[in-house]
């Protein structure tokens, strides 16, 4: 890991700026698409992840980030990380990894929107 870090620090600045724009554009696409279904997520200042508090859900899914992620992958084919996996402060939150292309992320957001229609608290 340390060698990788040293290598990254020696990359040309133009490459680093390009990569930062890619992550920003992917995050913006997800934030924009999820806002269409009423899930408001703050745009991160940088990075390759989005963190979000879970929306209000029905029944056993309410407030349970692990059950949320398990149901979402089973029913919509979209994998998110439950926040509790990152410590007690992450409970009730989920993490999106922005590692796919923008088109694929928009598709994932649309699948999430469909899933939320069935599970959102009324």
C-alpha atoms as a PDB file:
ATOM      1  CA  UNK A   1       0.000   0.000   0.000  1.00  0.00           C
ATOM      2  CA  UNK A   2       2.826   2.392   0.795  1.00  0.00           C
ATOM      3  CA  UNK A   3       4.445   1.826  -2.603  1.00  0.00           C
ATOM      4  CA  UNK A   4       1.136   2.462  -4.285  1.00  0.00           C
ATOM      5  CA  UNK A   5       0.769   5.712  -2.345  1.00  0.00           C
ATOM      6  CA  UNK A   6       4.240   6.859  -3.390  1.00  0.00           C
ATOM      7  CA  UNK A   7       3.439   6.022  -7.014  1.00  0.00           C
ATOM      8  CA  UNK A   8       0.190   7.982  -6.855  1.00  0.00           C
ATOM      9  CA  UNK A   9       1.985  11.010  -5.443  1.00  0.00           C
ATOM     10  CA  UNK A  10       4.298  10.998  -8.455  1.00  0.00           C
ATOM     11  CA  UNK A  11       1.484  11.025 -11.047  1.00  0.00           C
ATOM     12  CA  UNK A  12       1.204  14.130 -13.227  1.00  0.00           C
ATOM     13  CA  UNK A  13      -1.172  16.750 -11.826  1.00  0.00           C
ATOM     14  CA  UNK A  14      -3.265  16.632 -15.007  1.00  0.00           C
ATOM     15  CA  UNK A  15      -3.995  12.949 -14.372  1.00  0.00           C
ATOM     16  CA  UNK A  16      -5.004  13.628 -10.783  1.00  0.00           C
ATOM     17  CA  UNK A  17      -7.324  16.459 -11.861  1.00  0.00           C
ATOM     18  CA  UNK A  18      -8.876  14.221 -14.527  1.00  0.00           C
ATOM     19  CA  UNK A  19      -9.532  11.462 -11.990  1.00  0.00           C
ATOM     20  CA  UNK A  20     -11.025  13.963  -9.529  1.00  0.00           C
ATOM     21  CA  UNK A  21     -13.414  15.178 -12.248  1.00  0.00           C
ATOM     22  CA  UNK A  22     -14.449  11.591 -13.027  1.00  0.00           C
ATOM     23  CA  UNK A  23     -15.341  10.946  -9.372  1.00  0.00           C
ATOM     24  CA  UNK A  24     -17.144  14.288  -9.104  1.00  0.00           C
ATOM     25  CA  UNK A  25     -19.189  13.618 -12.254  1.00  0.00           C
ATOM     26  CA  UNK A  26     -20.147  10.139 -11.070  1.00  0.00           C
ATOM     27  CA  UNK A  27     -21.209  11.452  -7.665  1.00  0.00           C
ATOM     28  CA  UNK A  28     -23.226  14.255  -9.289  1.00  0.00           C
ATOM     29  CA  UNK A  29     -25.014  11.760 -11.543  1.00  0.00           C
ATOM     30  CA  UNK A  30     -26.036   9.586  -8.585  1.00  0.00           C
ATOM     31  CA  UNK A  31     -27.090  12.533  -6.420  1.00  0.00           C
ATOM     32  CA  UNK A  32     -29.126  13.996  -9.294  1.00  0.00           C
ATOM     33  CA  UNK A  33     -30.796  10.687 -10.213  1.00  0.00           C
ATOM     34  CA  UNK A  34     -31.651   9.735  -6.622  1.00  0.00           C
ATOM     35  CA  UNK A  35     -33.097  13.209  -6.003  1.00  0.00           C
ATOM     36  CA  UNK A  36     -35.684  12.419  -8.696  1.00  0.00           C
ATOM     37  CA  UNK A  37     -37.173   9.764  -6.414  1.00  0.00           C
ATOM     38  CA  UNK A  38     -37.010  11.978  -3.346  1.00  0.00           C
ATOM     39  CA  UNK A  39     -33.796  10.667  -1.780  1.00  0.00           C
ATOM     40  CA  UNK A  40     -31.744  13.766  -1.012  1.00  0.00           C
ATOM     41  CA  UNK A  41     -28.030  13.037  -0.651  1.00  0.00           C
ATOM     42  CA  UNK A  42     -25.326  15.611   0.003  1.00  0.00           C
ATOM     43  CA  UNK A  43     -22.732  15.971  -2.724  1.00  0.00           C
ATOM     44  CA  UNK A  44     -19.326  14.969  -1.343  1.00  0.00           C
ATOM     45  CA  UNK A  45     -16.446  17.424  -1.557  1.00  0.00           C
ATOM     46  CA  UNK A  46     -14.260  14.711  -3.050  1.00  0.00           C
ATOM     47  CA  UNK A  47     -13.739  10.975  -3.158  1.00  0.00           C
ATOM     48  CA  UNK A  48     -15.132   7.875  -4.752  1.00  0.00           C
ATOM     49  CA  UNK A  49     -17.986   7.238  -2.326  1.00  0.00           C
ATOM     50  CA  UNK A  50     -21.349   8.693  -1.418  1.00  0.00           C
ATOM     51  CA  UNK A  51     -22.592   8.402   2.151  1.00  0.00           C
ATOM     52  CA  UNK A  52     -26.281   8.736   2.804  1.00  0.00           C
ATOM     53  CA  UNK A  53     -28.740   8.408   5.625  1.00  0.00           C
ATOM     54  CA  UNK A  54     -31.337   5.821   4.752  1.00  0.00           C
ATOM     55  CA  UNK A  55     -34.702   7.074   3.566  1.00  0.00           C
ATOM     56  CA  UNK A  56     -37.752   6.294   5.697  1.00  0.00           C
ATOM     57  CA  UNK A  57     -38.787   2.703   4.986  1.00  0.00           C
ATOM     58  CA  UNK A  58     -41.584   0.359   6.037  1.00  0.00           C
ATOM     59  CA  UNK A  59     -41.513  -2.480   8.542  1.00  0.00           C
ATOM     60  CA  UNK A  60     -38.346  -4.401   9.320  1.00  0.00           C
ATOM     61  CA  UNK A  61     -36.331  -2.284   6.877  1.00  0.00           C
ATOM     62  CA  UNK A  62     -36.934   0.921   8.864  1.00  0.00           C
ATOM     63  CA  UNK A  63     -33.582   2.128  10.167  1.00  0.00           C
ATOM     64  CA  UNK A  64     -31.819  -1.189   9.509  1.00  0.00           C
ATOM     65  CA  UNK A  65     -28.975  -0.499   7.092  1.00  0.00           C
ATOM     66  CA  UNK A  66     -27.993  -4.176   6.837  1.00  0.00           C
ATOM     67  CA  UNK A  67     -31.545  -5.325   6.014  1.00  0.00           C
ATOM     68  CA  UNK A  68     -31.824  -2.417   3.566  1.00  0.00           C
ATOM     69  CA  UNK A  69     -28.699  -3.508   1.678  1.00  0.00           C
ATOM     70  CA  UNK A  70     -29.657  -7.188   1.717  1.00  0.00           C
ATOM     71  CA  UNK A  71     -33.128  -6.465   0.360  1.00  0.00           C
ATOM     72  CA  UNK A  72     -31.831  -4.038  -2.256  1.00  0.00           C
ATOM     73  CA  UNK A  73     -29.340  -6.549  -3.704  1.00  0.00           C
ATOM     74  CA  UNK A  74     -31.896  -9.379  -3.641  1.00  0.00           C
ATOM     75  CA  UNK A  75     -34.738  -7.421  -5.247  1.00  0.00           C
ATOM     76  CA  UNK A  76     -33.058  -4.760  -7.383  1.00  0.00           C
ATOM     77  CA  UNK A  77     -29.604  -6.195  -8.056  1.00  0.00           C
ATOM     78  CA  UNK A  78     -27.848  -3.131  -6.617  1.00  0.00           C
ATOM     79  CA  UNK A  79     -25.150  -3.564  -3.988  1.00  0.00           C
ATOM     80  CA  UNK A  80     -24.495  -0.894  -1.363  1.00  0.00           C
ATOM     81  CA  UNK A  81     -22.463  -1.167   1.823  1.00  0.00           C
ATOM     82  CA  UNK A  82     -24.309  -0.970   5.135  1.00  0.00           C
ATOM     83  CA  UNK A  83     -22.942   1.888   7.211  1.00  0.00           C
ATOM     84  CA  UNK A  84     -22.602  -0.245  10.340  1.00  0.00           C
ATOM     85  CA  UNK A  85     -19.673  -2.013   8.657  1.00  0.00           C
ATOM     86  CA  UNK A  86     -17.657   1.175   9.149  1.00  0.00           C
ATOM     87  CA  UNK A  87     -18.350   1.557  12.855  1.00  0.00           C
ATOM     88  CA  UNK A  88     -21.236   2.426  15.168  1.00  0.00           C
ATOM     89  CA  UNK A  89     -21.601   5.915  13.679  1.00  0.00           C
ATOM     90  CA  UNK A  90     -22.527   4.375  10.339  1.00  0.00           C
ATOM     91  CA  UNK A  91     -25.659   2.649  11.585  1.00  0.00           C
ATOM     92  CA  UNK A  92     -28.684   3.826   9.598  1.00  0.00           C
ATOM     93  CA  UNK A  93     -26.511   4.951   6.692  1.00  0.00           C
ATOM     94  CA  UNK A  94     -25.342   3.366   3.449  1.00  0.00           C
ATOM     95  CA  UNK A  95     -22.271   3.840   1.284  1.00  0.00           C
ATOM     96  CA  UNK A  96     -22.311   3.952  -2.505  1.00  0.00           C
ATOM     97  CA  UNK A  97     -19.051   3.084  -4.296  1.00  0.00           C
ATOM     98  CA  UNK A  98     -18.785   5.133  -7.474  1.00  0.00           C
ATOM     99  CA  UNK A  99     -16.617   2.569  -9.256  1.00  0.00           C
ATOM    100  CA  UNK A 100     -18.792   1.983 -12.328  1.00  0.00           C
ATOM    101  CA  UNK A 101     -19.219   4.287 -15.309  1.00  0.00           C
ATOM    102  CA  UNK A 102     -21.769   7.100 -15.064  1.00  0.00           C
ATOM    103  CA  UNK A 103     -24.290   5.311 -17.298  1.00  0.00           C
ATOM    104  CA  UNK A 104     -24.216   2.242 -15.076  1.00  0.00           C
ATOM    105  CA  UNK A 105     -24.576   4.345 -11.934  1.00  0.00           C
ATOM    106  CA  UNK A 106     -27.653   6.080 -13.368  1.00  0.00           C
ATOM    107  CA  UNK A 107     -29.131   2.656 -14.121  1.00  0.00           C
ATOM    108  CA  UNK A 108     -28.435   1.586 -10.527  1.00  0.00           C
ATOM    109  CA  UNK A 109     -30.109   4.746  -9.207  1.00  0.00           C
ATOM    110  CA  UNK A 110     -33.169   4.008 -11.331  1.00  0.00           C
ATOM    111  CA  UNK A 111     -33.337   0.481  -9.943  1.00  0.00           C
ATOM    112  CA  UNK A 112     -33.056   1.884  -6.425  1.00  0.00           C
ATOM    113  CA  UNK A 113     -35.914   4.288  -7.195  1.00  0.00           C
ATOM    114  CA  UNK A 114     -38.117   1.378  -8.270  1.00  0.00           C
ATOM    115  CA  UNK A 115     -37.223  -0.545  -5.129  1.00  0.00           C
ATOM    116  CA  UNK A 116     -37.967   2.481  -2.948  1.00  0.00           C
ATOM    117  CA  UNK A 117     -41.457   2.785  -4.463  1.00  0.00           C
ATOM    118  CA  UNK A 118     -42.272  -0.603  -2.932  1.00  0.00           C
ATOM    119  CA  UNK A 119     -40.602  -0.069   0.443  1.00  0.00           C
ATOM    120  CA  UNK A 120     -40.828   3.623   1.306  1.00  0.00           C
ATOM    121  CA  UNK A 121     -42.790   4.500   4.436  1.00  0.00           C
ATOM    122  CA  UNK A 122     -46.033   6.287   3.732  1.00  0.00           C
END
